Amino acid sequence: MTLHFELVTPTALVRSEDVYMVCVPGAEGDFGVLAGHAPLMSTVREGDIAVYHSAGAQPEIVHISGGFAEVGEQGLTILAEQVG
């Protein structure tokens, strides 16, 4: 199973892809999201998102400057203030 992941800024859709797992720097602590995760909304602190494209693979690291994360039926969407 894969997780649909979207990373969005106020000006652009940065990425939209199916991945294995994403680790997010939540305001209350880091959390990982896999396919089938329970619905969740969280603020996101400045930090690095780790995107795992397959099980056991090295993650792709993406730096963000805060925002919000939402996990729902469609997957994980991160609304980031800034990427990079």
Protein backbone atom coordinates (compact mmCIF):
# COMPACT_ATOMS: atom_id res chain seq x y z
CA MET A 1 0.00 0.00 0.00
CA THR A 2 1.14 3.53 -0.68
CA LEU A 3 0.40 6.89 0.90
CA HIS A 4 -0.58 9.81 -1.32
CA PHE A 5 1.55 12.81 -0.25
CA GLU A 6 1.13 16.42 -1.27
CA LEU A 7 3.39 19.30 -0.24
CA VAL A 8 1.86 22.72 -0.88
CA THR A 9 3.02 26.31 -0.30
CA PRO A 10 0.85 29.45 -0.57
CA THR A 11 2.04 29.88 -4.16
CA ALA A 12 2.51 26.36 -5.58
CA LEU A 13 1.95 22.62 -5.42
CA VAL A 14 5.53 21.51 -4.71
CA ARG A 15 4.92 17.77 -5.06
CA SER A 16 2.15 15.24 -5.38
CA GLU A 17 3.25 11.60 -5.28
CA ASP A 18 2.63 8.16 -3.81
CA VAL A 19 5.20 7.19 -1.17
CA TYR A 20 5.73 4.56 1.51
CA MET A 21 5.95 6.85 4.58
CA VAL A 22 6.51 10.47 5.59
CA CYS A 23 7.94 11.65 8.93
CA VAL A 24 6.69 15.12 9.88
CA PRO A 25 8.10 17.60 12.45
CA GLY A 26 4.85 18.23 14.33
CA ALA A 27 4.51 20.98 16.92
CA GLU A 28 4.03 18.35 19.65
CA GLY A 29 6.79 16.10 18.32
CA ASP A 30 7.72 14.18 15.18
CA PHE A 31 5.21 11.70 13.77
CA GLY A 32 5.22 9.19 10.95
CA VAL A 33 2.40 8.66 8.48
CA LEU A 34 1.81 5.40 6.58
CA ALA A 35 -1.10 4.40 4.33
CA GLY A 36 -4.25 3.86 6.40
CA HIS A 37 -3.25 6.32 9.16
CA ALA A 38 -6.10 7.65 11.30
CA PRO A 39 -7.36 11.15 10.43
CA LEU A 40 -5.21 13.85 12.04
CA MET A 41 -4.54 17.58 11.91
CA SER A 42 -1.39 19.14 13.38
CA THR A 43 0.61 22.31 13.23
CA VAL A 44 4.09 21.75 11.88
CA ARG A 45 7.24 23.39 13.23
CA GLU A 46 10.25 24.40 11.16
CA GLY A 47 12.31 21.32 10.39
CA ASP A 48 12.88 18.46 7.99
CA ILE A 49 10.29 16.16 6.43
CA ALA A 50 11.65 12.67 5.72
CA VAL A 51 10.00 11.13 2.65
CA TYR A 52 10.47 7.36 2.28
CA HIS A 53 9.74 6.24 -1.28
CA SER A 54 9.88 2.53 -0.32
CA ALA A 55 10.30 0.40 2.81
CA GLY A 56 13.91 0.29 3.96
CA ALA A 57 15.04 3.03 1.56
CA GLN A 58 17.00 6.09 2.61
CA PRO A 59 14.64 9.04 3.06
CA GLU A 60 14.58 12.15 0.92
CA ILE A 61 14.89 15.15 3.24
CA VAL A 62 12.86 18.30 2.56
CA HIS A 63 13.20 21.38 4.80
CA ILE A 64 10.06 23.38 5.61
CA SER A 65 9.43 26.54 7.60
CA GLY A 66 6.31 25.61 9.54
CA GLY A 67 2.69 25.15 8.51
CA PHE A 68 -0.04 22.54 8.93
CA ALA A 69 -0.42 18.83 8.22
CA GLU A 70 -3.65 16.99 7.52
CA VAL A 71 -4.07 13.23 7.24
CA GLY A 72 -7.35 12.08 5.73
CA GLU A 73 -8.88 9.60 3.31
CA GLN A 74 -6.91 11.13 0.44
CA GLY A 75 -3.55 10.79 2.25
CA LEU A 76 -1.20 13.38 3.79
CA THR A 77 -1.21 17.04 2.81
CA ILE A 78 1.32 19.46 4.27
CA LEU A 79 0.59 23.15 3.85
CA ALA A 80 4.04 24.68 4.39
CA GLU A 81 4.83 28.36 4.83
CA GLN A 82 8.01 27.85 2.82
CA VAL A 83 9.95 24.90 1.36
CA GLY A 84 13.71 24.78 1.09
